[in-house]
Amino acid sequence: MGIENERADFWRGHFAAWQRSGLSQRAYCDRHGLSYSAFGYWRGRVRETSFQPPPTFVPALVAPPAAAPAGPPGRIGSVEVRLCHGRSLVLAGDFDEALLALVVRAVEQAPC
């Protein structure tokens, strides 16, 4: 492991501890004898280089519900979207696709 990776790991540990602490960045740095400017520099640098695996897509089978409600032809009564971490969304047949994309992105980024 190179010195650069060791430094990044050092700061990642502090960033995780800082988030759990509930302290401001400055207060955390003061308490742990860290340079506030270095904290900010490495926070930006680690964030830029953090690898997040791409989302996993799984095949979906779309089938009409067993007792589909009466409605205009071609409309689905509801759709369930299963997300990671056991989350799911149930949508009415007439949902806004752009809004759904925003909601899924927000839910997937939220901590468990």
N, C-alpha and C. Protein backbone atom coordinates (compact mmCIF):
# COMPACT_ATOMS: atom_id res chain seq x y z
N MET A 1 0.87 -1.17 0.00
CA MET A 1 0.00 0.00 0.00
C MET A 1 0.91 1.23 0.00
N GLY A 2 0.65 2.16 -0.88
CA GLY A 2 1.47 3.36 -0.97
C GLY A 2 1.12 4.37 0.11
N ILE A 3 2.01 5.33 0.28
CA ILE A 3 1.81 6.37 1.30
C ILE A 3 0.52 7.14 1.05
N GLU A 4 0.20 7.37 -0.23
CA GLU A 4 -1.02 8.10 -0.57
C GLU A 4 -2.26 7.33 -0.11
N ASN A 5 -2.27 6.02 -0.30
CA ASN A 5 -3.40 5.19 0.15
C ASN A 5 -3.48 5.16 1.67
N GLU A 6 -2.31 5.12 2.32
CA GLU A 6 -2.31 5.12 3.79
C GLU A 6 -2.89 6.42 4.33
N ARG A 7 -2.53 7.53 3.71
CA ARG A 7 -3.08 8.83 4.14
C ARG A 7 -4.59 8.87 3.92
N ALA A 8 -5.01 8.40 2.74
CA ALA A 8 -6.46 8.40 2.44
C ALA A 8 -7.20 7.54 3.45
N ASP A 9 -6.65 6.38 3.80
CA ASP A 9 -7.29 5.50 4.80
C ASP A 9 -7.35 6.18 6.17
N PHE A 10 -6.26 6.87 6.53
CA PHE A 10 -6.22 7.61 7.79
C PHE A 10 -7.37 8.60 7.85
N TRP A 11 -7.53 9.38 6.78
CA TRP A 11 -8.57 10.41 6.75
C TRP A 11 -9.95 9.80 6.66
N ARG A 12 -10.12 8.72 5.91
CA ARG A 12 -11.44 8.07 5.84
C ARG A 12 -11.90 7.65 7.24
N GLY A 13 -10.96 7.13 8.03
CA GLY A 13 -11.30 6.75 9.41
C GLY A 13 -11.76 7.95 10.22
N HIS A 14 -11.07 9.07 10.05
CA HIS A 14 -11.48 10.28 10.77
C HIS A 14 -12.82 10.81 10.26
N PHE A 15 -13.07 10.72 8.96
CA PHE A 15 -14.34 11.22 8.44
C PHE A 15 -15.50 10.40 8.99
N ALA A 16 -15.32 9.10 9.06
CA ALA A 16 -16.38 8.24 9.61
C ALA A 16 -16.60 8.56 11.10
N ALA A 17 -15.50 8.73 11.84
CA ALA A 17 -15.61 9.06 13.27
C ALA A 17 -16.25 10.43 13.46
N TRP A 18 -15.88 11.39 12.63
CA TRP A 18 -16.46 12.73 12.71
C TRP A 18 -17.97 12.68 12.49
N GLN A 19 -18.42 11.93 11.46
CA GLN A 19 -19.86 11.84 11.18
C GLN A 19 -20.61 11.22 12.34
N ARG A 20 -20.02 10.25 13.00
CA ARG A 20 -20.67 9.61 14.16
C ARG A 20 -20.66 10.52 15.38
N SER A 21 -19.68 11.44 15.45
CA SER A 21 -19.49 12.26 16.65
C SER A 21 -20.58 13.31 16.86
N GLY A 22 -21.17 13.80 15.79
CA GLY A 22 -22.15 14.88 15.92
C GLY A 22 -21.50 16.24 16.10
N LEU A 23 -20.18 16.31 16.04
CA LEU A 23 -19.47 17.58 16.20
C LEU A 23 -19.34 18.28 14.85
N SER A 24 -19.11 19.59 14.91
CA SER A 24 -18.77 20.31 13.67
C SER A 24 -17.38 19.85 13.25
N GLN A 25 -17.03 20.12 11.99
CA GLN A 25 -15.70 19.74 11.51
C GLN A 25 -14.61 20.41 12.35
N ARG A 26 -14.78 21.69 12.62
CA ARG A 26 -13.76 22.42 13.38
C ARG A 26 -13.61 21.85 14.80
N ALA A 27 -14.74 21.58 15.45
CA ALA A 27 -14.69 21.03 16.81
C ALA A 27 -14.03 19.65 16.82
N TYR A 28 -14.35 18.83 15.83
CA TYR A 28 -13.74 17.50 15.74
C TYR A 28 -12.23 17.63 15.57
N CYS A 29 -11.81 18.52 14.66
CA CYS A 29 -10.37 18.71 14.41
C CYS A 29 -9.67 19.20 15.68
N ASP A 30 -10.27 20.15 16.37
CA ASP A 30 -9.68 20.67 17.61
C ASP A 30 -9.52 19.55 18.65
N ARG A 31 -10.56 18.75 18.79
CA ARG A 31 -10.55 17.68 19.79
C ARG A 31 -9.49 16.62 19.48
N HIS A 32 -9.23 16.38 18.18
CA HIS A 32 -8.30 15.31 17.79
C HIS A 32 -6.95 15.83 17.30
N GLY A 33 -6.71 17.13 17.45
CA GLY A 33 -5.43 17.70 17.07
C GLY A 33 -5.15 17.64 15.59
N LEU A 34 -6.20 17.79 14.78
CA LEU A 34 -6.06 17.74 13.33
C LEU A 34 -6.13 19.14 12.75
N SER A 35 -5.44 19.35 11.65
CA SER A 35 -5.51 20.62 10.94
C SER A 35 -6.87 20.71 10.24
N TYR A 36 -7.59 21.79 10.52
CA TYR A 36 -8.90 21.99 9.90
C TYR A 36 -8.79 22.09 8.38
N SER A 37 -7.76 22.77 7.89
CA SER A 37 -7.60 22.91 6.44
C SER A 37 -7.24 21.57 5.80
N ALA A 38 -6.41 20.77 6.48
CA ALA A 38 -6.08 19.44 5.94
C ALA A 38 -7.32 18.55 5.93
N PHE A 39 -8.14 18.68 6.96
CA PHE A 39 -9.38 17.91 7.05
C PHE A 39 -10.25 18.20 5.81
N GLY A 40 -10.42 19.49 5.51
CA GLY A 40 -11.22 19.87 4.35
C GLY A 40 -10.60 19.42 3.04
N TYR A 41 -9.28 19.56 2.92
CA TYR A 41 -8.58 19.13 1.70
C TYR A 41 -8.78 17.64 1.47
N TRP A 42 -8.51 16.83 2.49
CA TRP A 42 -8.62 15.39 2.32
C TRP A 42 -10.06 14.92 2.19
N ARG A 43 -10.97 15.64 2.79
CA ARG A 43 -12.38 15.27 2.64
C ARG A 43 -12.79 15.40 1.18
N GLY A 44 -12.40 16.50 0.53
CA GLY A 44 -12.69 16.66 -0.89
C GLY A 44 -11.95 15.65 -1.74
N ARG A 45 -10.70 15.39 -1.41
CA ARG A 45 -9.89 14.48 -2.21
C ARG A 45 -10.39 13.04 -2.10
N VAL A 46 -10.71 12.61 -0.90
CA VAL A 46 -11.21 11.25 -0.71
C VAL A 46 -12.57 11.08 -1.38
N ARG A 47 -13.41 12.11 -1.29
CA ARG A 47 -14.74 12.04 -1.92
C ARG A 47 -14.61 11.88 -3.43
N GLU A 48 -13.66 12.61 -4.03
CA GLU A 48 -13.46 12.54 -5.49
C GLU A 48 -12.96 11.17 -5.93
N THR A 49 -12.15 10.52 -5.10
CA THR A 49 -11.56 9.25 -5.50
C THR A 49 -12.30 8.04 -4.95
N SER A 50 -13.35 8.29 -4.16
CA SER A 50 -14.09 7.16 -3.60
C SER A 50 -14.74 6.37 -4.73
N PHE A 51 -14.60 5.09 -4.66
CA PHE A 51 -15.22 4.23 -5.66
C PHE A 51 -16.54 3.73 -5.11
N GLN A 52 -17.56 3.98 -5.86
CA GLN A 52 -18.85 3.42 -5.51
C GLN A 52 -19.26 2.49 -6.63
N PRO A 53 -19.54 1.25 -6.31
CA PRO A 53 -19.91 0.32 -7.37
C PRO A 53 -21.18 0.78 -8.08
N PRO A 54 -21.27 0.49 -9.37
CA PRO A 54 -22.47 0.89 -10.09
C PRO A 54 -23.69 0.13 -9.55
N PRO A 55 -24.87 0.71 -9.70
CA PRO A 55 -26.06 0.01 -9.22
C PRO A 55 -26.24 -1.30 -9.97
N THR A 56 -26.78 -2.26 -9.28
CA THR A 56 -27.03 -3.56 -9.88
C THR A 56 -28.46 -3.58 -10.40
N PHE A 57 -28.60 -3.93 -11.64
CA PHE A 57 -29.92 -4.03 -12.23
C PHE A 57 -30.27 -5.51 -12.36
N VAL A 58 -31.49 -5.82 -12.07
CA VAL A 58 -31.95 -7.19 -12.17
C VAL A 58 -33.11 -7.25 -13.15
N PRO A 59 -33.27 -8.37 -13.81
CA PRO A 59 -34.39 -8.48 -14.75
C PRO A 59 -35.71 -8.36 -14.01
N ALA A 60 -36.67 -7.79 -14.65
CA ALA A 60 -38.00 -7.62 -14.05
C ALA A 60 -39.05 -8.29 -14.92
N LEU A 61 -39.94 -8.95 -14.28
CA LEU A 61 -41.06 -9.57 -14.98
C LEU A 61 -42.29 -8.74 -14.66
N VAL A 62 -42.91 -8.21 -15.67
CA VAL A 62 -44.10 -7.39 -15.47
C VAL A 62 -45.31 -8.23 -15.85
N ALA A 63 -46.19 -8.38 -14.89
CA ALA A 63 -47.40 -9.16 -15.12
C ALA A 63 -48.58 -8.39 -14.54
N PRO A 64 -49.72 -8.48 -15.18
CA PRO A 64 -50.89 -7.78 -14.62
C PRO A 64 -51.27 -8.39 -13.28
N PRO A 65 -51.79 -7.56 -12.38
CA PRO A 65 -52.22 -8.10 -11.09
C PRO A 65 -53.35 -9.10 -11.28
N ALA A 66 -53.49 -9.99 -10.32
CA ALA A 66 -54.51 -11.04 -10.41
C ALA A 66 -55.91 -10.43 -10.56
N ALA A 67 -56.20 -9.39 -9.80
CA ALA A 67 -57.52 -8.76 -9.88
C ALA A 67 -57.30 -7.29 -10.23
N ALA A 68 -56.96 -7.04 -11.49
CA ALA A 68 -56.67 -5.69 -11.92
C ALA A 68 -57.92 -4.82 -11.81
N PRO A 69 -57.79 -3.62 -11.23
CA PRO A 69 -58.94 -2.74 -11.15
C PRO A 69 -59.36 -2.26 -12.53
N ALA A 70 -60.63 -1.97 -12.65
CA ALA A 70 -61.13 -1.48 -13.94
C ALA A 70 -60.54 -0.10 -14.21
N GLY A 71 -60.18 0.15 -15.42
CA GLY A 71 -59.59 1.44 -15.79
C GLY A 71 -59.39 1.48 -17.29
N PRO A 72 -58.78 2.54 -17.77
CA PRO A 72 -58.54 2.63 -19.21
C PRO A 72 -57.70 1.46 -19.70
N PRO A 73 -57.91 0.99 -20.92
CA PRO A 73 -57.13 -0.13 -21.44
C PRO A 73 -55.64 0.20 -21.45
N GLY A 74 -54.82 -0.80 -21.12
CA GLY A 74 -53.37 -0.62 -21.17
C GLY A 74 -52.76 -0.04 -19.91
N ARG A 75 -53.57 0.34 -18.94
CA ARG A 75 -53.03 0.88 -17.70
C ARG A 75 -52.87 -0.23 -16.67
N ILE A 76 -51.79 -0.14 -15.94
CA ILE A 76 -51.55 -1.11 -14.88
C ILE A 76 -52.09 -0.53 -13.59
N GLY A 77 -52.68 -1.36 -12.75
CA GLY A 77 -53.22 -0.89 -11.49
C GLY A 77 -52.16 -0.30 -10.58
N SER A 78 -51.05 -1.00 -10.39
CA SER A 78 -49.94 -0.49 -9.58
C SER A 78 -48.68 -1.25 -9.95
N VAL A 79 -47.54 -0.68 -9.56
CA VAL A 79 -46.24 -1.28 -9.82
C VAL A 79 -45.44 -1.22 -8.52
N GLU A 80 -44.78 -2.31 -8.18
CA GLU A 80 -43.90 -2.31 -7.02
C GLU A 80 -42.47 -2.35 -7.52
N VAL A 81 -41.64 -1.41 -7.04
CA VAL A 81 -40.23 -1.35 -7.38
C VAL A 81 -39.46 -1.72 -6.13
N ARG A 82 -38.69 -2.79 -6.21
CA ARG A 82 -37.91 -3.24 -5.06
C ARG A 82 -36.49 -2.68 -5.18
N LEU A 83 -36.08 -1.98 -4.14
CA LEU A 83 -34.78 -1.33 -4.10
C LEU A 83 -33.85 -2.10 -3.18
N CYS A 84 -32.60 -1.68 -3.13
CA CYS A 84 -31.66 -2.35 -2.24
C CYS A 84 -32.03 -2.08 -0.79
N HIS A 85 -31.44 -2.82 0.11
CA HIS A 85 -31.66 -2.70 1.55
C HIS A 85 -33.10 -3.01 1.95
N GLY A 86 -33.81 -3.79 1.14
CA GLY A 86 -35.15 -4.21 1.49
C GLY A 86 -36.23 -3.16 1.30
N ARG A 87 -35.88 -2.06 0.66
CA ARG A 87 -36.86 -0.99 0.44
C ARG A 87 -37.66 -1.29 -0.83
N SER A 88 -38.89 -0.78 -0.85
CA SER A 88 -39.70 -0.90 -2.06
C SER A 88 -40.63 0.29 -2.18
N LEU A 89 -41.00 0.56 -3.40
CA LEU A 89 -41.95 1.64 -3.71
C LEU A 89 -43.13 1.02 -4.42
N VAL A 90 -44.34 1.43 -4.06
CA VAL A 90 -45.54 0.98 -4.76
C VAL A 90 -46.12 2.20 -5.45
N LEU A 91 -46.28 2.10 -6.76
CA LEU A 91 -46.70 3.24 -7.57
C LEU A 91 -48.04 2.98 -8.22
N ALA A 92 -48.83 4.03 -8.32
CA ALA A 92 -50.10 3.95 -9.05
C ALA A 92 -49.77 3.84 -10.54
N GLY A 93 -50.72 3.40 -11.33
CA GLY A 93 -50.50 3.21 -12.76
C GLY A 93 -50.15 4.49 -13.50
N ASP A 94 -50.47 5.64 -12.95
CA ASP A 94 -50.21 6.89 -13.67
C ASP A 94 -49.17 7.74 -12.92
N PHE A 95 -47.94 7.22 -12.80
CA PHE A 95 -46.89 7.94 -12.10
C PHE A 95 -46.02 8.72 -13.09
N ASP A 96 -45.34 9.72 -12.56
CA ASP A 96 -44.45 10.57 -13.36
C ASP A 96 -43.07 9.91 -13.37
N GLU A 97 -42.57 9.52 -14.55
CA GLU A 97 -41.30 8.80 -14.65
C GLU A 97 -40.12 9.63 -14.16
N ALA A 98 -40.10 10.92 -14.44
CA ALA A 98 -38.99 11.77 -14.01
C ALA A 98 -38.98 11.87 -12.48
N LEU A 99 -40.16 12.00 -11.89
CA LEU A 99 -40.24 12.06 -10.43
C LEU A 99 -39.80 10.74 -9.82
N LEU A 100 -40.18 9.63 -10.43
CA LEU A 100 -39.75 8.32 -9.94
C LEU A 100 -38.23 8.21 -9.95
N ALA A 101 -37.59 8.66 -11.01
CA ALA A 101 -36.12 8.61 -11.09
C ALA A 101 -35.50 9.40 -9.95
N LEU A 102 -36.04 10.58 -9.65
CA LEU A 102 -35.51 11.40 -8.55
C LEU A 102 -35.70 10.70 -7.20
N VAL A 103 -36.87 10.11 -7.01
CA VAL A 103 -37.17 9.44 -5.74
C VAL A 103 -36.26 8.24 -5.55
N VAL A 104 -36.08 7.42 -6.59
CA VAL A 104 -35.22 6.24 -6.48
C VAL A 104 -33.80 6.66 -6.17
N ARG A 105 -33.30 7.68 -6.85
CA ARG A 105 -31.94 8.15 -6.60
C ARG A 105 -31.78 8.62 -5.14
N ALA A 106 -32.77 9.36 -4.64
CA ALA A 106 -32.71 9.86 -3.26
C ALA A 106 -32.79 8.71 -2.25
N VAL A 107 -33.66 7.75 -2.48
CA VAL A 107 -33.83 6.63 -1.55
C VAL A 107 -32.58 5.76 -1.54
N GLU A 108 -31.98 5.52 -2.69
CA GLU A 108 -30.81 4.66 -2.76
C GLU A 108 -29.58 5.31 -2.12
N GLN A 109 -29.54 6.64 -2.07
CA GLN A 109 -28.40 7.32 -1.46
C GLN A 109 -28.58 7.50 0.05
N ALA A 110 -29.80 7.37 0.52
CA ALA A 110 -30.07 7.55 1.96
C ALA A 110 -29.48 6.39 2.75
N PRO A 111 -28.90 6.66 3.92
CA PRO A 111 -28.37 5.56 4.73
C PRO A 111 -29.49 4.69 5.27
N CYS A 112 -29.15 3.47 5.56
CA CYS A 112 -30.17 2.53 6.09
C CYS A 112 -30.59 2.93 7.47
